[in-house]
Amino acid sequence: MEHHPKNIMLTCIYAACKAEENHVSAEELGKGIGQVHHSLGFDLIVYAPYHALDGFISDLEEFCGAKDDDQIVALKASLETARMEADKIMRTNGPLLFPPGQVP
């Protein structure tokens, strides 16, 4: 093994926090676990589509004037379908390789 498993674990936790849009800086993580942090010299940004999907469905509700229960149920079903598709994309390395407008 080239790297100690503890360092790999900490890196995985840091990357998972970024991927889940839960901001934790390297300094905070280092303080929390009693380790000295090292400046990484780059930013890792992962754009998750979930907030955008929720906002889009809310905008559609407002635009369409969805007051009928059938319309609201249809929009919620569309949201669930979109979330399932987003889940498929988030299980790949696509969000790490491409900006949001180019995710395949």
PDB file of N, CA and C in Angstrom:
ATOM      1  N   MET A   1       0.840  -1.184   0.000  1.00  0.00           N
ATOM      2  CA  MET A   1       0.000   0.000   0.000  1.00  0.00           C
ATOM      3  C   MET A   1       0.881   1.240   0.000  1.00  0.00           C
ATOM      4  N   GLU A   2       0.578   2.156  -0.891  1.00  0.00           N
ATOM      5  CA  GLU A   2       1.369   3.376  -0.974  1.00  0.00           C
ATOM      6  C   GLU A   2       0.965   4.402   0.073  1.00  0.00           C
ATOM      7  N   HIS A   3      -0.322   4.402   0.479  1.00  0.00           N
ATOM      8  CA  HIS A   3      -0.830   5.389   1.422  1.00  0.00           C
ATOM      9  C   HIS A   3      -1.487   4.691   2.604  1.00  0.00           C
ATOM     10  N   HIS A   4      -1.363   5.297   3.753  1.00  0.00           N
ATOM     11  CA  HIS A   4      -1.961   4.737   4.962  1.00  0.00           C
ATOM     12  C   HIS A   4      -3.490   4.775   4.830  1.00  0.00           C
ATOM     13  N   PRO A   5      -4.180   3.689   5.219  1.00  0.00           N
ATOM     14  CA  PRO A   5      -5.643   3.628   5.098  1.00  0.00           C
ATOM     15  C   PRO A   5      -6.368   4.775   5.820  1.00  0.00           C
ATOM     16  N   LYS A   6      -5.786   5.262   6.917  1.00  0.00           N
ATOM     17  CA  LYS A   6      -6.411   6.369   7.637  1.00  0.00           C
ATOM     18  C   LYS A   6      -6.472   7.617   6.757  1.00  0.00           C
ATOM     19  N   ASN A   7      -5.403   7.891   6.023  1.00  0.00           N
ATOM     20  CA  ASN A   7      -5.388   9.056   5.131  1.00  0.00           C
ATOM     21  C   ASN A   7      -6.386   8.885   3.990  1.00  0.00           C
ATOM     22  N   ILE A   8      -6.511   7.691   3.484  1.00  0.00           N
ATOM     23  CA  ILE A   8      -7.479   7.418   2.421  1.00  0.00           C
ATOM     24  C   ILE A   8      -8.895   7.603   2.952  1.00  0.00           C
ATOM     25  N   MET A   9      -9.154   7.131   4.172  1.00  0.00           N
ATOM     26  CA  MET A   9     -10.473   7.272   4.778  1.00  0.00           C
ATOM     27  C   MET A   9     -10.840   8.749   4.929  1.00  0.00           C
ATOM     28  N   LEU A  10      -9.908   9.552   5.411  1.00  0.00           N
ATOM     29  CA  LEU A  10     -10.172  10.973   5.603  1.00  0.00           C
ATOM     30  C   LEU A  10     -10.440  11.673   4.270  1.00  0.00           C
ATOM     31  N   THR A  11      -9.707  11.284   3.255  1.00  0.00           N
ATOM     32  CA  THR A  11      -9.924  11.849   1.931  1.00  0.00           C
ATOM     33  C   THR A  11     -11.305  11.474   1.404  1.00  0.00           C
ATOM     34  N   CYS A  12     -11.712  10.238   1.651  1.00  0.00           N
ATOM     35  CA  CYS A  12     -13.043   9.792   1.222  1.00  0.00           C
ATOM     36  C   CYS A  12     -14.143  10.563   1.946  1.00  0.00           C
ATOM     37  N   ILE A  13     -13.971  10.806   3.225  1.00  0.00           N
ATOM     38  CA  ILE A  13     -14.957  11.579   3.989  1.00  0.00           C
ATOM     39  C   ILE A  13     -15.040  12.999   3.444  1.00  0.00           C
ATOM     40  N   TYR A  14     -13.900  13.601   3.169  1.00  0.00           N
ATOM     41  CA  TYR A  14     -13.869  14.958   2.638  1.00  0.00           C
ATOM     42  C   TYR A  14     -14.567  15.018   1.276  1.00  0.00           C
ATOM     43  N   ALA A  15     -14.266  14.062   0.403  1.00  0.00           N
ATOM     44  CA  ALA A  15     -14.884  14.029  -0.920  1.00  0.00           C
ATOM     45  C   ALA A  15     -16.385  13.763  -0.826  1.00  0.00           C
ATOM     46  N   ALA A  16     -16.800  12.896   0.105  1.00  0.00           N
ATOM     47  CA  ALA A  16     -18.230  12.608   0.280  1.00  0.00           C
ATOM     48  C   ALA A  16     -18.985  13.845   0.749  1.00  0.00           C
ATOM     49  N   CYS A  17     -18.376  14.610   1.637  1.00  0.00           N
ATOM     50  CA  CYS A  17     -19.013  15.858   2.092  1.00  0.00           C
ATOM     51  C   CYS A  17     -19.199  16.814   0.929  1.00  0.00           C
ATOM     52  N   LYS A  18     -18.224  16.889   0.043  1.00  0.00           N
ATOM     53  CA  LYS A  18     -18.333  17.758  -1.121  1.00  0.00           C
ATOM     54  C   LYS A  18     -19.427  17.260  -2.060  1.00  0.00           C
ATOM     55  N   ALA A  19     -19.459  15.965  -2.296  1.00  0.00           N
ATOM     56  CA  ALA A  19     -20.444  15.401  -3.222  1.00  0.00           C
ATOM     57  C   ALA A  19     -21.866  15.546  -2.709  1.00  0.00           C
ATOM     58  N   GLU A  20     -22.039  15.557  -1.412  1.00  0.00           N
ATOM     59  CA  GLU A  20     -23.377  15.678  -0.821  1.00  0.00           C
ATOM     60  C   GLU A  20     -23.740  17.114  -0.483  1.00  0.00           C
ATOM     61  N   GLU A  21     -22.949  18.067  -0.982  1.00  0.00           N
ATOM     62  CA  GLU A  21     -23.172  19.493  -0.750  1.00  0.00           C
ATOM     63  C   GLU A  21     -23.227  19.839   0.738  1.00  0.00           C
ATOM     64  N   ASN A  22     -22.400  19.198   1.515  1.00  0.00           N
ATOM     65  CA  ASN A  22     -22.275  19.472   2.944  1.00  0.00           C
ATOM     66  C   ASN A  22     -20.881  20.055   3.143  1.00  0.00           C
ATOM     67  N   HIS A  23     -20.784  21.377   3.162  1.00  0.00           N
ATOM     68  CA  HIS A  23     -19.473  22.028   3.173  1.00  0.00           C
ATOM     69  C   HIS A  23     -18.721  21.759   4.477  1.00  0.00           C
ATOM     70  N   VAL A  24     -17.591  21.131   4.336  1.00  0.00           N
ATOM     71  CA  VAL A  24     -16.654  20.934   5.439  1.00  0.00           C
ATOM     72  C   VAL A  24     -15.282  21.258   4.876  1.00  0.00           C
ATOM     73  N   SER A  25     -14.637  22.260   5.454  1.00  0.00           N
ATOM     74  CA  SER A  25     -13.310  22.615   4.957  1.00  0.00           C
ATOM     75  C   SER A  25     -12.280  21.620   5.487  1.00  0.00           C
ATOM     76  N   ALA A  26     -11.133  21.589   4.837  1.00  0.00           N
ATOM     77  CA  ALA A  26     -10.057  20.701   5.271  1.00  0.00           C
ATOM     78  C   ALA A  26      -9.616  21.066   6.688  1.00  0.00           C
ATOM     79  N   GLU A  27      -9.647  22.378   6.992  1.00  0.00           N
ATOM     80  CA  GLU A  27      -9.265  22.822   8.336  1.00  0.00           C
ATOM     81  C   GLU A  27     -10.234  22.283   9.387  1.00  0.00           C
ATOM     82  N   GLU A  28     -11.546  22.378   9.093  1.00  0.00           N
ATOM     83  CA  GLU A  28     -12.551  21.884  10.036  1.00  0.00           C
ATOM     84  C   GLU A  28     -12.423  20.382  10.239  1.00  0.00           C
ATOM     85  N   LEU A  29     -12.219  19.664   9.155  1.00  0.00           N
ATOM     86  CA  LEU A  29     -12.076  18.218   9.246  1.00  0.00           C
ATOM     87  C   LEU A  29     -10.847  17.860  10.065  1.00  0.00           C
ATOM     88  N   GLY A  30      -9.740  18.558   9.826  1.00  0.00           N
ATOM     89  CA  GLY A  30      -8.515  18.299  10.577  1.00  0.00           C
ATOM     90  C   GLY A  30      -8.680  18.555  12.063  1.00  0.00           C
ATOM     91  N   LYS A  31      -9.367  19.662  12.407  1.00  0.00           N
ATOM     92  CA  LYS A  31      -9.599  19.969  13.818  1.00  0.00           C
ATOM     93  C   LYS A  31     -10.494  18.934  14.471  1.00  0.00           C
ATOM     94  N   GLY A  32     -11.515  18.509  13.746  1.00  0.00           N
ATOM     95  CA  GLY A  32     -12.481  17.556  14.292  1.00  0.00           C
ATOM     96  C   GLY A  32     -11.896  16.190  14.591  1.00  0.00           C
ATOM     97  N   ILE A  33     -10.884  15.805  13.847  1.00  0.00           N
ATOM     98  CA  ILE A  33     -10.297  14.483  14.061  1.00  0.00           C
ATOM     99  C   ILE A  33      -8.918  14.552  14.711  1.00  0.00           C
ATOM    100  N   GLY A  34      -8.512  15.747  15.064  1.00  0.00           N
ATOM    101  CA  GLY A  34      -7.237  15.890  15.759  1.00  0.00           C
ATOM    102  C   GLY A  34      -6.027  15.689  14.866  1.00  0.00           C
ATOM    103  N   GLN A  35      -6.155  16.008  13.596  1.00  0.00           N
ATOM    104  CA  GLN A  35      -5.050  15.870  12.653  1.00  0.00           C
ATOM    105  C   GLN A  35      -4.690  17.243  12.103  1.00  0.00           C
ATOM    106  N   VAL A  36      -3.464  17.378  11.693  1.00  0.00           N
ATOM    107  CA  VAL A  36      -3.021  18.615  11.064  1.00  0.00           C
ATOM    108  C   VAL A  36      -3.502  18.583   9.619  1.00  0.00           C
ATOM    109  N   HIS A  37      -4.137  19.657   9.214  1.00  0.00           N
ATOM    110  CA  HIS A  37      -4.615  19.706   7.828  1.00  0.00           C
ATOM    111  C   HIS A  37      -3.495  20.207   6.924  1.00  0.00           C
ATOM    112  N   HIS A  38      -3.582  19.835   5.703  1.00  0.00           N
ATOM    113  CA  HIS A  38      -2.640  20.319   4.696  1.00  0.00           C
ATOM    114  C   HIS A  38      -3.452  21.003   3.609  1.00  0.00           C
ATOM    115  N   SER A  39      -2.980  22.124   3.173  1.00  0.00           N
ATOM    116  CA  SER A  39      -3.678  22.835   2.111  1.00  0.00           C
ATOM    117  C   SER A  39      -3.607  22.014   0.831  1.00  0.00           C
ATOM    118  N   LEU A  40      -4.748  21.832   0.221  1.00  0.00           N
ATOM    119  CA  LEU A  40      -4.806  21.000  -0.973  1.00  0.00           C
ATOM    120  C   LEU A  40      -4.396  21.744  -2.228  1.00  0.00           C
ATOM    121  N   GLY A  41      -4.584  23.048  -2.233  1.00  0.00           N
ATOM    122  CA  GLY A  41      -4.187  23.830  -3.396  1.00  0.00           C
ATOM    123  C   GLY A  41      -5.169  23.755  -4.557  1.00  0.00           C
ATOM    124  N   PHE A  42      -6.370  23.210  -4.350  1.00  0.00           N
ATOM    125  CA  PHE A  42      -7.395  23.186  -5.384  1.00  0.00           C
ATOM    126  C   PHE A  42      -8.750  23.089  -4.714  1.00  0.00           C
ATOM    127  N   ASP A  43      -9.781  23.358  -5.501  1.00  0.00           N
ATOM    128  CA  ASP A  43     -11.145  23.247  -5.008  1.00  0.00           C
ATOM    129  C   ASP A  43     -11.825  22.091  -5.711  1.00  0.00           C
ATOM    130  N   LEU A  44     -12.571  21.312  -4.962  1.00  0.00           N
ATOM    131  CA  LEU A  44     -13.373  20.237  -5.523  1.00  0.00           C
ATOM    132  C   LEU A  44     -14.818  20.689  -5.461  1.00  0.00           C
ATOM    133  N   ILE A  45     -15.417  20.848  -6.618  1.00  0.00           N
ATOM    134  CA  ILE A  45     -16.812  21.270  -6.681  1.00  0.00           C
ATOM    135  C   ILE A  45     -17.596  20.199  -7.417  1.00  0.00           C
ATOM    136  N   VAL A  46     -18.613  19.688  -6.766  1.00  0.00           N
ATOM    137  CA  VAL A  46     -19.493  18.706  -7.376  1.00  0.00           C
ATOM    138  C   VAL A  46     -20.887  19.302  -7.365  1.00  0.00           C
ATOM    139  N   TYR A  47     -21.462  19.445  -8.529  1.00  0.00           N
ATOM    140  CA  TYR A  47     -22.798  20.007  -8.636  1.00  0.00           C
ATOM    141  C   TYR A  47     -23.816  18.875  -8.625  1.00  0.00           C
ATOM    142  N   ALA A  48     -24.622  18.817  -7.592  1.00  0.00           N
ATOM    143  CA  ALA A  48     -25.687  17.819  -7.522  1.00  0.00           C
ATOM    144  C   ALA A  48     -26.966  18.441  -8.074  1.00  0.00           C
ATOM    145  N   PRO A  49     -27.744  17.680  -8.811  1.00  0.00           N
ATOM    146  CA  PRO A  49     -28.910  18.236  -9.480  1.00  0.00           C
ATOM    147  C   PRO A  49     -30.172  18.318  -8.628  1.00  0.00           C
ATOM    148  N   TYR A  50     -30.132  17.862  -7.406  1.00  0.00           N
ATOM    149  CA  TYR A  50     -31.367  17.702  -6.623  1.00  0.00           C
ATOM    150  C   TYR A  50     -32.047  19.024  -6.276  1.00  0.00           C
ATOM    151  N   HIS A  51     -31.291  20.027  -5.862  1.00  0.00           N
ATOM    152  CA  HIS A  51     -31.895  21.327  -5.541  1.00  0.00           C
ATOM    153  C   HIS A  51     -32.499  21.962  -6.790  1.00  0.00           C
ATOM    154  N   ALA A  52     -31.797  21.824  -7.907  1.00  0.00           N
ATOM    155  CA  ALA A  52     -32.306  22.389  -9.160  1.00  0.00           C
ATOM    156  C   ALA A  52     -33.605  21.704  -9.582  1.00  0.00           C
ATOM    157  N   LEU A  53     -33.687  20.395  -9.392  1.00  0.00           N
ATOM    158  CA  LEU A  53     -34.918  19.675  -9.739  1.00  0.00           C
ATOM    159  C   LEU A  53     -36.094  20.147  -8.892  1.00  0.00           C
ATOM    160  N   ASP A  54     -35.861  20.286  -7.591  1.00  0.00           N
ATOM    161  CA  ASP A  54     -36.930  20.763  -6.707  1.00  0.00           C
ATOM    162  C   ASP A  54     -37.401  22.156  -7.118  1.00  0.00           C
ATOM    163  N   GLY A  55     -36.451  23.026  -7.422  1.00  0.00           N
ATOM    164  CA  GLY A  55     -36.792  24.383  -7.847  1.00  0.00           C
ATOM    165  C   GLY A  55     -37.532  24.403  -9.171  1.00  0.00           C
ATOM    166  N   PHE A  56     -37.116  23.539 -10.095  1.00  0.00           N
ATOM    167  CA  PHE A  56     -37.777  23.470 -11.396  1.00  0.00           C
ATOM    168  C   PHE A  56     -39.232  23.024 -11.260  1.00  0.00           C
ATOM    169  N   ILE A  57     -39.469  22.011 -10.438  1.00  0.00           N
ATOM    170  CA  ILE A  57     -40.844  21.529 -10.233  1.00  0.00           C
ATOM    171  C   ILE A  57     -41.680  22.606  -9.542  1.00  0.00           C
ATOM    172  N   SER A  58     -41.095  23.325  -8.602  1.00  0.00           N
ATOM    173  CA  SER A  58     -41.819  24.426  -7.941  1.00  0.00           C
ATOM    174  C   SER A  58     -42.176  25.515  -8.954  1.00  0.00           C
ATOM    175  N   ASP A  59     -41.235  25.826  -9.835  1.00  0.00           N
ATOM    176  CA  ASP A  59     -41.503  26.821 -10.875  1.00  0.00           C
ATOM    177  C   ASP A  59     -42.606  26.344 -11.822  1.00  0.00           C
ATOM    178  N   LEU A  60     -42.588  25.056 -12.162  1.00  0.00           N
ATOM    179  CA  LEU A  60     -43.640  24.514 -13.024  1.00  0.00           C
ATOM    180  C   LEU A  60     -45.008  24.594 -12.350  1.00  0.00           C
ATOM    181  N   GLU A  61     -45.045  24.268 -11.060  1.00  0.00           N
ATOM    182  CA  GLU A  61     -46.305  24.366 -10.312  1.00  0.00           C
ATOM    183  C   GLU A  61     -46.845  25.783 -10.378  1.00  0.00           C
ATOM    184  N   GLU A  62     -45.967  26.732 -10.145  1.00  0.00           N
ATOM    185  CA  GLU A  62     -46.374  28.142 -10.151  1.00  0.00           C
ATOM    186  C   GLU A  62     -46.774  28.600 -11.553  1.00  0.00           C
ATOM    187  N   PHE A  63     -45.992  28.229 -12.551  1.00  0.00           N
ATOM    188  CA  PHE A  63     -46.262  28.644 -13.927  1.00  0.00           C
ATOM    189  C   PHE A  63     -47.579  28.069 -14.445  1.00  0.00           C
ATOM    190  N   CYS A  64     -47.803  26.802 -14.147  1.00  0.00           N
ATOM    191  CA  CYS A  64     -49.025  26.139 -14.628  1.00  0.00           C
ATOM    192  C   CYS A  64     -50.233  26.447 -13.758  1.00  0.00           C
ATOM    193  N   GLY A  65     -49.991  27.035 -12.604  1.00  0.00           N
ATOM    194  CA  GLY A  65     -51.097  27.290 -11.689  1.00  0.00           C
ATOM    195  C   GLY A  65     -51.700  25.986 -11.200  1.00  0.00           C
ATOM    196  N   ALA A  66     -50.838  25.035 -10.886  1.00  0.00           N
ATOM    197  CA  ALA A  66     -51.284  23.691 -10.496  1.00  0.00           C
ATOM    198  C   ALA A  66     -52.017  23.748  -9.160  1.00  0.00           C
ATOM    199  N   LYS A  67     -53.331  23.740  -9.256  1.00  0.00           N
ATOM    200  CA  LYS A  67     -54.157  23.740  -8.051  1.00  0.00           C
ATOM    201  C   LYS A  67     -54.957  22.447  -7.961  1.00  0.00           C
ATOM    202  N   ASP A  68     -55.081  21.776  -9.093  1.00  0.00           N
ATOM    203  CA  ASP A  68     -55.806  20.518  -9.156  1.00  0.00           C
ATOM    204  C   ASP A  68     -54.913  19.411  -8.590  1.00  0.00           C
ATOM    205  N   ASP A  69     -55.490  18.518  -7.813  1.00  0.00           N
ATOM    206  CA  ASP A  69     -54.715  17.429  -7.210  1.00  0.00           C
ATOM    207  C   ASP A  69     -54.058  16.551  -8.261  1.00  0.00           C
ATOM    208  N   ASP A  70     -54.737  16.346  -9.388  1.00  0.00           N
ATOM    209  CA  ASP A  70     -54.161  15.507 -10.447  1.00  0.00           C
ATOM    210  C   ASP A  70     -52.901  16.136 -11.027  1.00  0.00           C
ATOM    211  N   GLN A  71     -52.920  17.458 -11.197  1.00  0.00           N
ATOM    212  CA  GLN A  71     -51.741  18.149 -11.728  1.00  0.00           C
ATOM    213  C   GLN A  71     -50.582  18.064 -10.746  1.00  0.00           C
ATOM    214  N   ILE A  72     -50.873  18.252  -9.491  1.00  0.00           N
ATOM    215  CA  ILE A  72     -49.819  18.201  -8.468  1.00  0.00           C
ATOM    216  C   ILE A  72     -49.237  16.799  -8.377  1.00  0.00           C
ATOM    217  N   VAL A  73     -50.101  15.785  -8.438  1.00  0.00           N
ATOM    218  CA  VAL A  73     -49.625  14.397  -8.396  1.00  0.00           C
ATOM    219  C   VAL A  73     -48.751  14.113  -9.613  1.00  0.00           C
ATOM    220  N   ALA A  74     -49.149  14.604 -10.776  1.00  0.00           N
ATOM    221  CA  ALA A  74     -48.355  14.391 -11.995  1.00  0.00           C
ATOM    222  C   ALA A  74     -46.989  15.068 -11.880  1.00  0.00           C
ATOM    223  N   LEU A  75     -46.952  16.276 -11.327  1.00  0.00           N
ATOM    224  CA  LEU A  75     -45.675  16.968 -11.154  1.00  0.00           C
ATOM    225  C   LEU A  75     -44.788  16.244 -10.150  1.00  0.00           C
ATOM    226  N   LYS A  76     -45.369  15.748  -9.081  1.00  0.00           N
ATOM    227  CA  LYS A  76     -44.581  15.011  -8.079  1.00  0.00           C
ATOM    228  C   LYS A  76     -44.047  13.706  -8.668  1.00  0.00           C
ATOM    229  N   ALA A  77     -44.853  13.048  -9.510  1.00  0.00           N
ATOM    230  CA  ALA A  77     -44.388  11.827 -10.175  1.00  0.00           C
ATOM    231  C   ALA A  77     -43.235  12.149 -11.120  1.00  0.00           C
ATOM    232  N   SER A  78     -43.338  13.284 -11.808  1.00  0.00           N
ATOM    233  CA  SER A  78     -42.249  13.713 -12.690  1.00  0.00           C
ATOM    234  C   SER A  78     -40.981  13.994 -11.896  1.00  0.00           C
ATOM    235  N   LEU A  79     -41.144  14.589 -10.722  1.00  0.00           N
ATOM    236  CA  LEU A  79     -39.995  14.869  -9.861  1.00  0.00           C
ATOM    237  C   LEU A  79     -39.319  13.577  -9.416  1.00  0.00           C
ATOM    238  N   GLU A  80     -40.109  12.579  -9.041  1.00  0.00           N
ATOM    239  CA  GLU A  80     -39.529  11.301  -8.613  1.00  0.00           C
ATOM    240  C   GLU A  80     -38.789  10.620  -9.766  1.00  0.00           C
ATOM    241  N   THR A  81     -39.359  10.687 -10.969  1.00  0.00           N
ATOM    242  CA  THR A  81     -38.688  10.110 -12.136  1.00  0.00           C
ATOM    243  C   THR A  81     -37.373  10.836 -12.407  1.00  0.00           C
ATOM    244  N   ALA A  82     -37.408  12.160 -12.324  1.00  0.00           N
ATOM    245  CA  ALA A  82     -36.187  12.945 -12.538  1.00  0.00           C
ATOM    246  C   ALA A  82     -35.138  12.629 -11.478  1.00  0.00           C
ATOM    247  N   ARG A  83     -35.567  12.446 -10.238  1.00  0.00           N
ATOM    248  CA  ARG A  83     -34.613  12.100  -9.166  1.00  0.00           C
ATOM    249  C   ARG A  83     -33.982  10.739  -9.410  1.00  0.00           C
ATOM    250  N   MET A  84     -34.766   9.786  -9.900  1.00  0.00           N
ATOM    251  CA  MET A  84     -34.207   8.461 -10.194  1.00  0.00           C
ATOM    252  C   MET A  84     -33.151   8.560 -11.294  1.00  0.00           C
ATOM    253  N   GLU A  85     -33.420   9.385 -12.311  1.00  0.00           N
ATOM    254  CA  GLU A  85     -32.436   9.575 -13.382  1.00  0.00           C
ATOM    255  C   GLU A  85     -31.192  10.295 -12.849  1.00  0.00           C
ATOM    256  N   ALA A  86     -31.392  11.271 -11.980  1.00  0.00           N
ATOM    257  CA  ALA A  86     -30.256  11.982 -11.380  1.00  0.00           C
ATOM    258  C   ALA A  86     -29.425  11.031 -10.521  1.00  0.00           C
ATOM    259  N   ASP A  87     -30.096  10.119  -9.817  1.00  0.00           N
ATOM    260  CA  ASP A  87     -29.371   9.133  -9.014  1.00  0.00           C
ATOM    261  C   ASP A  87     -28.453   8.287  -9.890  1.00  0.00           C
ATOM    262  N   LYS A  88     -28.947   7.912 -11.057  1.00  0.00           N
ATOM    263  CA  LYS A  88     -28.125   7.115 -11.977  1.00  0.00           C
ATOM    264  C   LYS A  88     -26.877   7.888 -12.389  1.00  0.00           C
ATOM    265  N   ILE A  89     -27.047   9.170 -12.677  1.00  0.00           N
ATOM    266  CA  ILE A  89     -25.903   9.995 -13.091  1.00  0.00           C
ATOM    267  C   ILE A  89     -24.929  10.175 -11.934  1.00  0.00           C
ATOM    268  N   MET A  90     -25.449  10.377 -10.729  1.00  0.00           N
ATOM    269  CA  MET A  90     -24.581  10.626  -9.576  1.00  0.00           C
ATOM    270  C   MET A  90     -23.789   9.381  -9.174  1.00  0.00           C
ATOM    271  N   ARG A  91     -24.175   8.217  -9.647  1.00  0.00           N
ATOM    272  CA  ARG A  91     -23.419   6.995  -9.355  1.00  0.00           C
ATOM    273  C   ARG A  91     -22.240   6.811 -10.311  1.00  0.00           C
ATOM    274  N   THR A  92     -22.103   7.713 -11.247  1.00  0.00           N
ATOM    275  CA  THR A  92     -20.989   7.648 -12.190  1.00  0.00           C
ATOM    276  C   THR A  92     -19.967   8.733 -11.841  1.00  0.00           C
ATOM    277  N   ASN A  93     -18.922   8.804 -12.617  1.00  0.00           N
ATOM    278  CA  ASN A  93     -17.948   9.876 -12.400  1.00  0.00           C
ATOM    279  C   ASN A  93     -18.252  11.091 -13.267  1.00  0.00           C
ATOM    280  N   GLY A  94     -19.391  11.097 -13.931  1.00  0.00           N
ATOM    281  CA  GLY A  94     -19.792  12.207 -14.787  1.00  0.00           C
ATOM    282  C   GLY A  94     -19.783  13.563 -14.099  1.00  0.00           C
ATOM    283  N   PRO A  95     -20.401  13.700 -12.891  1.00  0.00           N
ATOM    284  CA  PRO A  95     -20.392  15.001 -12.226  1.00  0.00           C
ATOM    285  C   PRO A  95     -18.996  15.502 -11.842  1.00  0.00           C
ATOM    286  N   LEU A  96     -18.037  14.602 -11.750  1.00  0.00           N
ATOM    287  CA  LEU A  96     -16.665  15.024 -11.441  1.00  0.00           C
ATOM    288  C   LEU A  96     -15.906  15.439 -12.700  1.00  0.00           C
ATOM    289  N   LEU A  97     -16.334  14.927 -13.847  1.00  0.00           N
ATOM    290  CA  LEU A  97     -15.621  15.184 -15.092  1.00  0.00           C
ATOM    291  C   LEU A  97     -16.209  16.323 -15.920  1.00  0.00           C
ATOM    292  N   PHE A  98     -17.504  16.573 -15.765  1.00  0.00           N
ATOM    293  CA  PHE A  98     -18.181  17.543 -16.618  1.00  0.00           C
ATOM    294  C   PHE A  98     -18.911  18.581 -15.789  1.00  0.00           C
ATOM    295  N   PRO A  99     -19.022  19.806 -16.315  1.00  0.00           N
ATOM    296  CA  PRO A  99     -19.862  20.812 -15.644  1.00  0.00           C
ATOM    297  C   PRO A  99     -21.337  20.428 -15.817  1.00  0.00           C
ATOM    298  N   PRO A 100     -22.235  21.012 -15.029  1.00  0.00           N
ATOM    299  CA  PRO A 100     -23.645  20.594 -15.050  1.00  0.00           C
ATOM    300  C   PRO A 100     -24.289  20.608 -16.427  1.00  0.00           C
ATOM    301  N   GLY A 101     -23.972  21.564 -17.275  1.00  0.00           N
ATOM    302  CA  GLY A 101     -24.591  21.644 -18.581  1.00  0.00           C
ATOM    303  C   GLY A 101     -24.114  20.586 -19.559  1.00  0.00           C
ATOM    304  N   GLN A 102     -23.056  19.868 -19.211  1.00  0.00           N
ATOM    305  CA  GLN A 102     -22.505  18.871 -20.123  1.00  0.00           C
ATOM    306  C   GLN A 102     -22.554  17.454 -19.584  1.00  0.00           C
ATOM    307  N   VAL A 103     -23.203  17.266 -18.453  1.00  0.00           N
ATOM    308  CA  VAL A 103     -23.272  15.910 -17.885  1.00  0.00           C
ATOM    309  C   VAL A 103     -24.062  15.037 -18.841  1.00  0.00           C
ATOM    310  N   PRO A 104     -23.456  13.921 -19.275  1.00  0.00           N
ATOM    311  CA  PRO A 104     -24.104  13.058 -20.282  1.00  0.00           C
ATOM    312  C   PRO A 104     -25.362  12.408 -19.765  1.00  0.00           C
TER     313      PRO A 104
END
